[in-house]
Every structure is written in structure tokens, then in C-alpha cells.
Amino acid sequence: MAVVGVLTTLFKGDTKHLSKSTKNAGGIVSRFGRTMGSAARAVVGLGVVAATVAAAKLTLMTKASFAAMDATGKMADRVGTTTEELTGLQYAASQTGISSMEKNLGLLSRTLGEAKQGVGEGKDALLRLGLSVDALLAMSPAEQIGVIGDAMMSLGSAEERAATAADLFGRGGLEMVNLLATGTAGVQRFIKANEILGASFSRIDAGKIEEANDAIDRAKVAARGMANTIATQLAPTVANLGNLASYVFANWTDVSGLALAQMKLKFESAFNVVTHFFTSTVPAALEWFGRNWREAFITAGRLVETVFMNLGDNLFALATNILDILRGKIEIADIWKPLTEGFESAITESLVLPDRVMGALERQLTTERDALAAKVGAGWVAFEEGVIKVPKVEVEPQAEDAMTRLADALKGPAALERGSSEAFTASLQPRYDALAKHQQENVKATRDVAKGITETNRILTEQLPTLIPAAI
């Protein structure tokens, strides 16, 4: 028995300790679950933020791509190449330290054009390289750069290559040296690498981008047009509000006094209406009901009876004519009887309620309000006439006759009466002609002076060597 008791005691003690440990473990697991839930929510929140930022960046990148592809397509058309070749040259520029390939291509095109005419430093550079202008003009820009680069490899020093590049590409020549050093093979490798990287696109693709950009521009123009229309429609309202605000600010004392008087009158009138309702209207109604309550109940009963009788007749008529109604032979309005038809009231005495009479204070407030309203109204008329409306300048008869004669002299009176743009042009045409004649005379006089100076210089140049020894 003693052993059993000890075991029981030990067992009970271990069970309590085990239960306590289990509870502690359960609490730890619960806290861990809550922590993981918070972490999961935080991760989801960060994911939403990251997705939003990524979408915004993607939108900006797409917009930038639209602009870049559109510009590249137009640039390819200007320099006479394909978009695939131009994007390849742009990639080559980024890899060899060229700041603006488009600008350098434009300089090369101008140099070749001058060389074709036999002028410019590029003519001598091409002679040094042994290249034909006509052959280069028949090539694409990428081919031109490759052929020039191949020819420059025959030059003896880096200085000669830099000078030749400057003669052909102007200020951008030094930037082009590294690309030119790769020759035709290097240029083609850059173009091929650009295609592999997926940065190349066709002129058809560029055309789609241009069409999309044009559509976006048209939408922007339409939006501006809509905004202009809305602004035009709102302009009179805004003008009226602005004029009203100007008047209120300029006459704040009278306007605020009118608003305060109106408010006081409203409160007084509301109080008098409530008072009249409970002191006059309700007692009069109760007194009338006391004299006519029998007739009132009889009238109510007749009304209920009439409504139900007519409703029953209407339902019966609908049931008996349902087929004709569905076929469209009979309209419901033709067989429907008004629910109050045949109703007769048993009340002979009409309910007469007493009218409300304004009290002394309400009459006084009304008089004050009307006086302030008249003052504010008169002030508004004066403000409108003196500030809002532009005074019309009356033309005196003599001035009007002079204007008519001037219009006749300018041969534009009919157009002036129409007030059109042709009138304005017709009225100023003689002045334009006089000004053009005066400018021609000034040009002729300037040329004469220049000829005189040139002739004087020639004489001095010819005679000066003989005049100086004679003077000595």
C-alpha cells in the first residue's frame, strides 16, 4: 500500500509537471504562429509595394521606348539607313565611347556632300585614304564607317588617323577613332550583337510605334480641346462669380448686414410659424372635429367602401377580359374604374384654418431686410455699370467722317464694315507697300555706299606706293 501511495504521488506530480510543460509549449507554438502570420502579412505587403514599383518602372520604360523607337525610325529615314543598322551603330557608339552617333553621322553626311562639290577638308582626307566620294555616297552609313575604318588602317600613325577622322567627322572625329579602328568587320559585329541582344527592330515596328505616338498625340490634342470647351462653357460662370466676389469684398458691410438681417428674419418667422401652429391651427382643427366627428367617420366609412367596391369591379373586369387584353384588343385603361368614383362625402362644414399674421418684430425685421436688399441691389447696379461693363466710347461726327475717308482711301470700307481679317489686311496694305519701297531704297543706298568704299580702297591700294616716296 505504501509503495502504491508513493507511486501515485509521484505519478500525480509528474502529470502536473507534464501538463504545465505542455501548456508552455502550446503558448510558444501559438506565439510562433502569430509571429509567422505577421511575417507573412509583411511579406505580402512588401510584395504589393514591389509590384507597384515594378509596374511604375515598366510604364516609364515603355514610355521611354516609345519615344526612342519613334526618334530612331525618323533618324534612320533622315540618314538613309535601316533601323536595324542604326540601332546597331548606336550600340557600337555606347561600347566605344561615342557620345552621339546621330550627330556624327550628320557631320559625315555633310562632309561627303561638300567633297562631292569639290570643297571642304573632307575632300583631301578622302584623297589620302584613296576613297571615292561617289562610292561612299552609294553606301549605307554603317558601310561608310566600315570602309573608312579599313582605309584608315593604312595610315602610318595615330596622329594621322585622328586628323583624318576629324576632317571627316568634325568635332566628333576623335570619338570615332576607336570604332573606325575595328573596320568593316567590327561594325558588322556590333550590329549582329545588337540583334542578338534583342535591341534591334525593323522599320515596320518603328512605324507601329510612330502610329501609336501619333494616336497618343491626337488624344492629347482632343483632351486639350475638351478642356478648352469646358473652360469656354465655364468662363461666363467664373466671370459672374468673380464679379460677385469683387462686389462682396468691396461692399462687405452692406452684404454682411443683409445676410444677418435675413438670418434674423428667418429665425423669427420660424418661431412664429411654430407658435401659430400650436396656438391657432391645432385648436381650430380640434374644434372643427368636435362639431363634425360623426360626419367624418361616416365619410371615412364611405371612402373605404367605395374604394373596395371599385377595386372588386376592376379585378372582375380584368379577369373577364384577360384574353382580349393579352391580344391587344382592349386596353386596361378602358376598363379600369377610378377607385374613388361614386364617393360622396357626408361632411358639410369645410375646415377653415386661421391665417398667420406677422408680429411687430417680424414686420420690423422684414422692413429692415427689404431696405438693405434695395441698397445692395442699387450698389450692384452701380458696380456693374462702373466696373464690369466697359464704357462705350462715342465717336464724334468729325472723327467718324475722318475714319470713313481713311477707309475709302485704303480701299477697304466694305471689309472694314464686316470687321474681318481681310479688312485689317486691306487697311494696312498701303503701309506695307510704302515700307517695302523704303526698305528697297535703303538697300540700294547701302549698296552704293559699299561700292564707293570698295572703289576708294582700290584707288588707295594702287596709288599709295607712289604717293609715299613722293611725299618723302
Protein backbone atom coordinates (compact mmCIF):
# COMPACT_ATOMS: atom_id res chain seq x y z
CA MET A 1 0.00 0.00 0.00
CA ALA A 2 2.85 2.37 0.88
CA VAL A 3 4.53 1.70 -2.47
CA VAL A 4 1.27 2.32 -4.28
CA GLY A 5 0.82 5.62 -2.46
CA VAL A 6 4.33 6.72 -3.32
CA LEU A 7 3.83 5.79 -6.98
CA THR A 8 0.51 7.56 -7.01
CA THR A 9 2.10 10.65 -5.51
CA LEU A 10 4.98 10.54 -7.99
CA PHE A 11 2.62 9.89 -10.88
CA LYS A 12 0.39 12.80 -9.88
CA GLY A 13 3.37 15.08 -9.50
CA ASP A 14 4.79 14.11 -12.91
CA THR A 15 1.39 14.62 -14.51
CA LYS A 16 1.10 18.14 -13.19
CA HIS A 17 4.60 18.95 -14.36
CA LEU A 18 3.85 17.43 -17.76
CA SER A 19 0.61 19.42 -18.05
CA LYS A 20 2.41 22.64 -17.20
CA SER A 21 5.13 21.93 -19.76
CA THR A 22 2.51 21.10 -22.37
CA LYS A 23 0.72 24.39 -21.75
CA ASN A 24 4.01 26.28 -22.02
CA ALA A 25 4.79 24.51 -25.25
CA GLY A 26 1.33 25.34 -26.58
CA GLY A 27 1.87 29.02 -25.77
CA ILE A 28 5.20 29.01 -27.57
CA VAL A 29 3.61 27.39 -30.62
CA SER A 30 0.78 29.96 -30.60
CA ARG A 31 3.21 32.86 -30.37
CA PHE A 32 5.28 31.33 -33.16
CA GLY A 33 2.13 31.04 -35.30
CA ARG A 34 1.23 34.68 -34.67
CA THR A 35 4.78 35.74 -35.48
CA MET A 36 4.72 33.77 -38.72
CA GLY A 37 1.33 35.26 -39.61
CA SER A 38 2.68 38.80 -39.08
CA ALA A 39 5.75 37.94 -41.12
CA ALA A 40 3.57 36.54 -43.90
CA ARG A 41 1.44 39.68 -43.95
CA ALA A 42 4.59 41.81 -44.04
CA VAL A 43 5.94 39.77 -46.95
CA VAL A 44 2.63 40.16 -48.81
CA GLY A 45 2.71 43.90 -48.18
CA LEU A 46 6.26 44.16 -49.45
CA GLY A 47 5.23 42.13 -52.48
CA VAL A 48 2.40 44.55 -53.26
CA VAL A 49 4.73 47.53 -52.90
CA ALA A 50 7.37 45.84 -55.08
CA ALA A 51 4.76 45.00 -57.71
CA THR A 52 3.52 48.59 -57.73
CA VAL A 53 7.03 49.98 -58.09
CA ALA A 54 7.80 47.45 -60.83
CA ALA A 55 4.63 48.40 -62.70
CA ALA A 56 5.51 52.10 -62.45
CA LYS A 57 9.04 51.46 -63.70
CA LEU A 58 7.72 49.29 -66.52
CA THR A 59 5.35 52.08 -67.54
CA LEU A 60 8.18 54.61 -67.60
CA MET A 61 10.39 52.22 -69.55
CA THR A 62 7.61 51.59 -72.07
CA LYS A 63 7.06 55.33 -72.50
CA ALA A 64 10.80 55.86 -72.98
CA SER A 65 10.90 53.01 -75.52
CA PHE A 66 8.04 54.58 -77.47
CA ALA A 67 9.93 57.87 -77.69
CA ALA A 68 13.30 56.24 -78.51
CA MET A 69 11.93 53.94 -81.21
CA ASP A 70 9.97 56.78 -82.79
CA ALA A 71 13.07 59.00 -82.86
CA THR A 72 15.23 56.18 -84.20
CA GLY A 73 12.80 55.48 -87.06
CA LYS A 74 12.73 59.14 -88.08
CA MET A 75 16.54 59.40 -87.77
CA ALA A 76 17.00 56.31 -89.96
CA ASP A 77 14.87 57.94 -92.64
CA ARG A 78 16.93 61.14 -92.48
CA VAL A 79 20.34 59.48 -92.79
CA GLY A 80 19.19 56.94 -95.36
CA THR A 81 19.64 53.67 -93.48
CA THR A 82 17.59 50.96 -91.83
CA THR A 83 16.50 50.94 -88.20
CA GLU A 84 18.38 47.66 -87.68
CA GLU A 85 21.62 49.23 -88.89
CA LEU A 86 21.09 52.48 -86.97
CA THR A 87 20.37 50.72 -83.67
CA GLY A 88 23.48 48.60 -84.26
CA LEU A 89 25.54 51.77 -84.74
CA GLN A 90 24.01 53.22 -81.56
CA TYR A 91 25.06 50.08 -79.70
CA ALA A 92 28.55 50.43 -81.19
CA ALA A 93 28.64 54.04 -80.01
CA SER A 94 27.78 53.02 -76.45
CA GLN A 95 30.51 50.38 -76.50
CA THR A 96 33.27 52.60 -77.95
CA GLY A 97 32.62 55.85 -76.07
CA ILE A 98 30.82 57.89 -78.74
CA SER A 99 28.50 60.47 -77.22
CA SER A 100 26.19 60.99 -80.22
CA MET A 101 26.29 58.65 -83.20
CA GLU A 102 23.41 60.51 -84.85
CA LYS A 103 25.32 63.81 -84.74
CA ASN A 104 28.49 62.24 -86.14
CA LEU A 105 26.53 60.61 -88.96
CA GLY A 106 25.12 64.02 -89.83
CA LEU A 107 28.63 65.53 -89.87
CA LEU A 108 29.88 62.73 -92.15
CA SER A 109 26.94 63.24 -94.50
CA ARG A 110 27.70 66.97 -94.73
CA THR A 111 31.41 66.27 -95.31
CA LEU A 112 30.65 63.86 -98.16
CA GLY A 113 28.28 66.37 -99.70
CA GLU A 114 30.95 69.08 -99.62
CA ALA A 115 33.52 66.67 -101.04
CA LYS A 116 31.13 65.87 -103.87
CA GLN A 117 31.13 69.59 -104.70
CA GLY A 118 34.94 69.68 -104.50
CA VAL A 119 35.18 71.77 -101.32
CA GLY A 120 35.91 71.16 -97.66
CA GLU A 121 38.63 69.39 -95.70
CA GLY A 122 36.97 66.03 -96.25
CA LYS A 123 37.95 66.11 -99.92
CA ASP A 124 41.64 65.95 -99.07
CA ALA A 125 41.06 63.31 -96.36
CA LEU A 126 39.34 61.04 -98.87
CA LEU A 127 42.23 61.52 -101.31
CA ARG A 128 44.67 60.45 -98.58
CA LEU A 129 42.57 57.36 -97.94
CA GLY A 130 42.16 56.61 -101.62
CA LEU A 131 38.36 56.55 -101.40
CA SER A 132 35.83 57.69 -103.96
CA VAL A 133 33.11 60.13 -102.89
CA ASP A 134 30.61 58.64 -105.30
CA ALA A 135 31.28 55.12 -103.99
CA LEU A 136 30.79 56.24 -100.37
CA LEU A 137 27.58 58.10 -101.19
CA ALA A 138 26.16 54.88 -102.64
CA MET A 139 26.77 53.05 -99.34
CA SER A 140 24.78 52.96 -96.13
CA PRO A 141 26.20 54.79 -93.05
CA ALA A 142 27.43 51.53 -91.48
CA GLU A 143 29.18 50.58 -94.71
CA GLN A 144 30.70 54.05 -94.99
CA ILE A 145 32.12 53.85 -91.45
CA GLY A 146 33.48 50.35 -92.10
CA VAL A 147 35.16 51.28 -95.41
CA ILE A 148 36.64 54.47 -93.94
CA GLY A 149 37.93 52.47 -90.96
CA ASP A 150 39.52 49.88 -93.26
CA ALA A 151 41.23 52.61 -95.28
CA MET A 152 42.48 54.43 -92.16
CA MET A 153 44.42 51.32 -91.11
CA SER A 154 46.87 52.11 -93.90
CA LEU A 155 47.81 55.45 -92.29
CA GLY A 156 51.18 55.46 -90.58
CA SER A 157 50.49 57.00 -87.16
CA ALA A 158 47.71 57.50 -84.66
CA GLU A 159 48.02 61.26 -85.17
CA GLU A 160 47.30 60.91 -88.89
CA ARG A 161 44.28 58.72 -88.17
CA ALA A 162 42.97 61.22 -85.60
CA ALA A 163 43.47 64.15 -88.02
CA THR A 164 41.75 62.28 -90.84
CA ALA A 165 38.84 61.34 -88.57
CA ALA A 166 38.50 64.99 -87.55
CA ASP A 167 38.46 66.05 -91.22
CA LEU A 168 35.65 63.60 -91.96
CA PHE A 169 33.57 63.78 -88.75
CA GLY A 170 34.38 67.26 -87.50
CA ARG A 171 34.49 67.68 -83.72
CA GLY A 172 33.21 64.13 -83.29
CA GLY A 173 36.17 62.63 -85.15
CA LEU A 174 38.25 61.81 -82.07
CA GLU A 175 35.30 59.88 -80.61
CA MET A 176 35.01 57.84 -83.79
CA VAL A 177 38.65 56.66 -83.80
CA ASN A 178 38.01 53.57 -81.65
CA LEU A 179 35.07 52.42 -83.77
CA LEU A 180 36.89 53.17 -87.03
CA ALA A 181 39.80 51.05 -85.80
CA THR A 182 37.54 47.97 -85.84
CA GLY A 183 36.89 48.34 -89.58
CA THR A 184 34.04 46.77 -91.52
CA ALA A 185 34.23 43.52 -89.59
CA GLY A 186 33.96 45.29 -86.24
CA VAL A 187 31.00 47.41 -87.29
CA GLN A 188 29.14 44.34 -88.52
CA ARG A 189 29.91 42.50 -85.27
CA PHE A 190 28.35 45.34 -83.28
CA ILE A 191 25.24 45.25 -85.49
CA LYS A 192 24.95 41.48 -85.11
CA ALA A 193 25.44 41.67 -81.32
CA ASN A 194 22.71 44.29 -81.12
CA GLU A 195 20.33 41.90 -82.93
CA ILE A 196 21.26 39.04 -80.58
CA LEU A 197 20.55 41.26 -77.55
CA GLY A 198 17.07 41.96 -78.93
CA ALA A 199 17.59 45.74 -79.19
CA SER A 200 17.14 45.78 -82.96
CA PHE A 201 13.78 46.43 -84.58
CA SER A 202 12.52 46.84 -88.12
CA ARG A 203 11.17 49.95 -89.80
CA ILE A 204 7.75 48.33 -89.74
CA ASP A 205 7.95 48.10 -85.96
CA ALA A 206 9.09 51.71 -85.80
CA GLY A 207 6.13 52.65 -87.98
CA LYS A 208 3.78 50.99 -85.50
CA ILE A 209 5.38 52.98 -82.68
CA GLU A 210 5.09 56.18 -84.70
CA GLU A 211 1.42 55.44 -85.33
CA ALA A 212 0.88 54.79 -81.63
CA ASN A 213 2.66 58.04 -80.69
CA ASP A 214 0.61 59.93 -83.26
CA ALA A 215 -2.56 58.44 -81.78
CA ILE A 216 -1.42 59.48 -78.29
CA ASP A 217 -0.70 62.99 -79.55
CA ARG A 218 -4.13 63.15 -81.16
CA ALA A 219 -5.68 62.04 -77.88
CA LYS A 220 -3.75 64.78 -76.06
CA VAL A 221 -4.94 67.36 -78.58
CA ALA A 222 -8.52 66.11 -78.20
CA ALA A 223 -8.17 66.29 -74.42
CA ARG A 224 -6.92 69.86 -74.69
CA GLY A 225 -9.83 70.63 -76.99
CA MET A 226 -12.26 69.16 -74.47
CA ALA A 227 -10.60 71.18 -71.71
CA ASN A 228 -10.86 74.31 -73.85
CA THR A 229 -14.55 73.61 -74.48
CA ILE A 230 -15.21 73.10 -70.78
CA ALA A 231 -13.26 76.25 -69.95
CA THR A 232 -15.24 78.18 -72.56
CA GLN A 233 -18.52 76.95 -71.13
CA LEU A 234 -17.44 77.72 -67.58
CA ALA A 235 -15.96 81.10 -68.40
CA PRO A 236 -19.24 83.09 -68.05
CA THR A 237 -20.00 81.39 -64.74
CA VAL A 238 -16.49 82.02 -63.45
CA ALA A 239 -16.73 85.62 -64.60
CA ASN A 240 -20.05 86.07 -62.82
CA LEU A 241 -18.68 84.50 -59.65
CA GLY A 242 -15.58 86.69 -59.84
CA ASN A 243 -17.67 89.83 -60.32
CA LEU A 244 -19.93 88.83 -57.46
CA ALA A 245 -16.95 88.16 -55.21
CA SER A 246 -15.43 91.52 -56.16
CA TYR A 247 -18.66 93.28 -55.28
CA VAL A 248 -18.99 91.40 -51.98
CA PHE A 249 -15.42 92.28 -50.96
CA ALA A 250 -15.90 95.92 -51.96
CA ASN A 251 -19.26 96.21 -50.14
CA TRP A 252 -18.73 93.81 -47.29
CA THR A 253 -20.59 95.91 -44.71
CA ASP A 254 -23.85 96.10 -46.67
CA VAL A 255 -23.72 92.47 -47.85
CA SER A 256 -22.98 91.08 -44.39
CA GLY A 257 -25.70 93.30 -42.93
CA LEU A 258 -28.19 91.92 -45.45
CA ALA A 259 -27.17 88.33 -44.66
CA LEU A 260 -27.54 88.96 -40.91
CA ALA A 261 -30.95 90.62 -41.35
CA GLN A 262 -32.14 87.70 -43.50
CA MET A 263 -30.97 85.21 -40.88
CA LYS A 264 -32.73 87.07 -38.05
CA LEU A 265 -35.92 87.25 -40.11
CA LYS A 266 -35.80 83.51 -40.85
CA PHE A 267 -35.42 82.63 -37.17
CA GLU A 268 -38.27 84.97 -36.16
CA SER A 269 -40.54 83.64 -38.91
CA ALA A 270 -39.84 80.01 -37.97
CA PHE A 271 -40.63 80.73 -34.32
CA ASN A 272 -43.88 82.48 -35.26
CA VAL A 273 -44.91 79.61 -37.57
CA VAL A 274 -44.45 77.04 -34.80
CA THR A 275 -46.27 79.24 -32.32
CA HIS A 276 -49.18 79.80 -34.74
CA PHE A 277 -49.44 76.07 -35.42
CA PHE A 278 -49.89 75.11 -31.77
CA THR A 279 -51.91 78.14 -30.64
CA SER A 280 -54.23 78.64 -33.64
CA THR A 281 -54.11 75.84 -36.20
CA VAL A 282 -54.38 72.86 -33.82
CA PRO A 283 -57.19 74.35 -31.67
CA ALA A 284 -59.21 75.32 -34.78
CA ALA A 285 -58.84 71.81 -36.21
CA LEU A 286 -59.88 70.18 -32.95
CA GLU A 287 -62.88 72.47 -32.60
CA TRP A 288 -63.98 71.66 -36.15
CA PHE A 289 -63.58 67.93 -35.49
CA GLY A 290 -65.67 68.23 -32.32
CA ARG A 291 -68.55 69.57 -34.37
CA ASN A 292 -68.21 67.19 -37.31
CA TRP A 293 -66.79 63.96 -35.91
CA ARG A 294 -69.88 61.91 -36.85
CA GLU A 295 -69.81 63.11 -40.44
CA ALA A 296 -66.04 62.50 -40.51
CA PHE A 297 -66.42 58.83 -39.51
CA ILE A 298 -69.29 58.36 -41.93
CA THR A 299 -67.18 59.89 -44.71
CA ALA A 300 -64.26 57.62 -43.86
CA GLY A 301 -66.53 54.57 -43.99
CA ARG A 302 -67.97 55.61 -47.33
CA LEU A 303 -64.48 56.15 -48.71
CA VAL A 304 -63.31 52.69 -47.66
CA GLU A 305 -66.48 51.11 -49.04
CA THR A 306 -66.18 52.94 -52.37
CA VAL A 307 -62.52 52.02 -52.80
CA PHE A 308 -63.08 48.32 -52.11
CA MET A 309 -66.18 48.16 -54.33
CA ASN A 310 -64.38 49.79 -57.24
CA LEU A 311 -61.32 47.61 -56.70
CA GLY A 312 -63.52 44.49 -56.84
CA ASP A 313 -65.17 45.67 -60.04
CA ASN A 314 -61.75 46.33 -61.60
CA LEU A 315 -60.43 42.89 -60.70
CA PHE A 316 -63.56 41.24 -62.10
CA ALA A 317 -63.25 43.24 -65.33
CA LEU A 318 -59.60 42.24 -65.67
CA ALA A 319 -60.40 38.57 -65.13
CA THR A 320 -63.21 38.51 -67.67
CA ASN A 321 -61.26 40.40 -70.34
CA ILE A 322 -57.80 38.94 -69.80
CA LEU A 323 -57.66 37.26 -73.23
CA ASP A 324 -58.67 40.41 -75.08
CA ILE A 325 -56.12 42.38 -73.08
CA LEU A 326 -53.36 39.91 -73.98
CA ARG A 327 -54.39 40.04 -77.65
CA GLY A 328 -54.29 43.83 -77.56
CA LYS A 329 -57.97 44.30 -78.34
CA ILE A 330 -58.69 46.09 -75.07
CA GLU A 331 -56.54 48.47 -73.06
CA ILE A 332 -56.54 48.22 -69.27
CA ALA A 333 -57.27 51.95 -69.06
CA ASP A 334 -60.54 51.36 -70.95
CA ILE A 335 -61.99 49.03 -68.29
CA TRP A 336 -60.25 50.37 -65.17
CA LYS A 337 -62.54 52.41 -62.91
CA PRO A 338 -61.05 55.11 -60.62
CA LEU A 339 -61.07 53.84 -57.03
CA THR A 340 -62.88 56.94 -55.69
CA GLU A 341 -65.56 57.01 -58.39
CA GLY A 342 -69.01 57.35 -56.84
CA PHE A 343 -67.70 58.56 -53.46
CA GLU A 344 -69.86 61.14 -51.64
CA SER A 345 -68.72 62.99 -48.53
CA ALA A 346 -71.08 63.39 -45.55
CA ILE A 347 -69.21 66.48 -44.25
CA THR A 348 -70.98 69.73 -44.97
CA GLU A 349 -68.83 72.14 -43.00
CA SER A 350 -65.40 72.84 -44.53
CA LEU A 351 -62.33 73.07 -42.34
CA VAL A 352 -61.17 76.68 -42.21
CA LEU A 353 -57.81 77.35 -40.60
CA PRO A 354 -56.84 80.86 -39.43
CA ASP A 355 -54.14 82.68 -41.38
CA ARG A 356 -50.90 83.58 -39.67
CA VAL A 357 -50.36 87.27 -39.10
CA MET A 358 -46.82 88.66 -38.78
CA GLY A 359 -45.94 90.10 -35.42
CA ALA A 360 -44.46 93.53 -34.80
CA LEU A 361 -40.85 92.25 -34.60
CA GLU A 362 -41.23 90.20 -37.77
CA ARG A 363 -42.63 93.19 -39.64
CA GLN A 364 -39.76 95.34 -38.42
CA LEU A 365 -37.17 92.75 -39.47
CA THR A 366 -38.86 92.43 -42.87
CA THR A 367 -38.69 96.20 -43.38
CA GLU A 368 -35.01 96.28 -42.40
CA ARG A 369 -34.25 93.34 -44.70
CA ASP A 370 -36.05 94.95 -47.66
CA ALA A 371 -34.21 98.24 -47.14
CA LEU A 372 -30.81 96.52 -47.06
CA ALA A 373 -31.75 94.41 -50.10
CA ALA A 374 -32.68 97.55 -52.04
CA LYS A 375 -29.40 99.19 -51.02
CA VAL A 376 -27.35 96.16 -52.04
CA GLY A 377 -29.25 95.88 -55.32
CA ALA A 378 -28.65 99.53 -56.15
CA GLY A 379 -24.99 99.11 -55.26
CA TRP A 380 -24.73 96.12 -57.57
CA VAL A 381 -26.25 98.09 -60.46
CA ALA A 382 -23.76 100.91 -59.88
CA PHE A 383 -20.89 98.40 -59.60
CA GLU A 384 -21.98 96.68 -62.80
CA GLU A 385 -22.20 99.94 -64.72
CA GLY A 386 -18.99 101.47 -63.37
CA VAL A 387 -16.71 98.44 -63.12
CA ILE A 388 -17.95 95.39 -65.03
CA LYS A 389 -19.24 96.99 -68.20
CA VAL A 390 -16.58 98.71 -70.32
CA PRO A 391 -17.70 102.26 -71.08
CA LYS A 392 -18.50 102.68 -74.75
CA VAL A 393 -16.54 105.48 -76.42
CA GLU A 394 -18.79 107.64 -78.51
CA VAL A 395 -17.22 108.73 -81.82
CA GLU A 396 -17.74 112.35 -82.69
CA PRO A 397 -19.20 113.06 -86.16
CA GLN A 398 -15.98 114.75 -87.35
CA ALA A 399 -13.87 111.80 -86.26
CA GLU A 400 -16.33 109.38 -87.81
CA ASP A 401 -16.12 111.26 -91.14
CA ALA A 402 -12.33 111.19 -90.97
CA MET A 403 -12.36 107.42 -90.33
CA THR A 404 -14.70 106.92 -93.28
CA ARG A 405 -12.41 108.94 -95.57
CA LEU A 406 -9.43 106.94 -94.35
CA ALA A 407 -11.25 103.68 -95.07
CA ASP A 408 -12.11 104.92 -98.56
CA ALA A 409 -8.50 105.92 -99.15
CA LEU A 410 -7.31 102.50 -98.09
CA LYS A 411 -9.87 100.86 -100.41
CA GLY A 412 -11.26 98.70 -97.69
CA PRO A 413 -14.50 100.26 -96.39
CA ALA A 414 -16.66 97.27 -97.20
CA ALA A 415 -14.24 94.94 -95.50
CA LEU A 416 -13.97 97.29 -92.53
CA GLU A 417 -17.73 97.17 -92.09
CA ARG A 418 -17.56 93.38 -91.99
CA GLY A 419 -14.86 93.56 -89.33
CA SER A 420 -12.97 90.64 -90.88
CA SER A 421 -9.28 89.79 -91.16
CA GLU A 422 -9.44 90.90 -94.82
CA ALA A 423 -10.45 94.36 -93.59
CA PHE A 424 -7.38 94.61 -91.42
CA THR A 425 -5.12 93.44 -94.25
CA ALA A 426 -6.72 95.81 -96.74
CA SER A 427 -6.38 98.75 -94.38
CA LEU A 428 -2.66 98.14 -93.82
CA GLN A 429 -1.68 97.13 -97.37
CA PRO A 430 -0.65 100.68 -98.49
CA ARG A 431 1.55 100.98 -95.42
CA TYR A 432 3.12 97.62 -96.20
CA ASP A 433 3.84 98.78 -99.74
CA ALA A 434 5.38 102.04 -98.54
CA LEU A 435 7.52 100.21 -96.01
CA ALA A 436 8.75 97.72 -98.65
CA LYS A 437 9.64 100.59 -101.01
CA HIS A 438 11.52 102.35 -98.22
CA GLN A 439 13.45 99.18 -97.43
CA GLN A 440 14.40 98.75 -101.12
CA GLU A 441 15.68 102.31 -101.20
CA ASN A 442 17.76 101.67 -98.07
CA VAL A 443 19.25 98.53 -99.58
CA LYS A 444 20.14 100.40 -102.79
CA ALA A 445 21.75 103.22 -100.82
CA THR A 446 23.74 100.73 -98.74
CA ARG A 447 24.99 99.01 -101.88
CA ASP A 448 26.05 102.35 -103.37
CA VAL A 449 27.98 103.22 -100.23
CA ALA A 450 29.67 99.79 -100.25
CA LYS A 451 30.66 100.26 -103.91
CA GLY A 452 32.11 103.66 -103.09
CA ILE A 453 34.18 102.28 -100.23
CA THR A 454 35.45 99.43 -102.42
CA GLU A 455 36.46 101.86 -105.18
CA THR A 456 38.24 104.12 -102.67
CA ASN A 457 40.18 101.17 -101.28
CA ARG A 458 41.22 100.15 -104.79
CA ILE A 459 42.49 103.63 -105.63
CA LEU A 460 44.43 103.93 -102.39
CA THR A 461 45.95 100.49 -102.91
CA GLU A 462 47.10 101.41 -106.40
CA GLN A 463 48.32 104.96 -105.68
CA LEU A 464 49.72 104.60 -102.16
CA PRO A 465 53.09 103.03 -103.20
CA THR A 466 53.80 106.00 -105.47
CA LEU A 467 52.45 108.69 -103.16
CA ILE A 468 54.60 107.74 -100.14
CA PRO A 469 58.01 108.05 -101.85
CA ALA A 470 56.92 111.32 -103.43
CA ALA A 471 55.92 112.70 -100.05
CA ILE A 472 59.27 111.62 -98.53
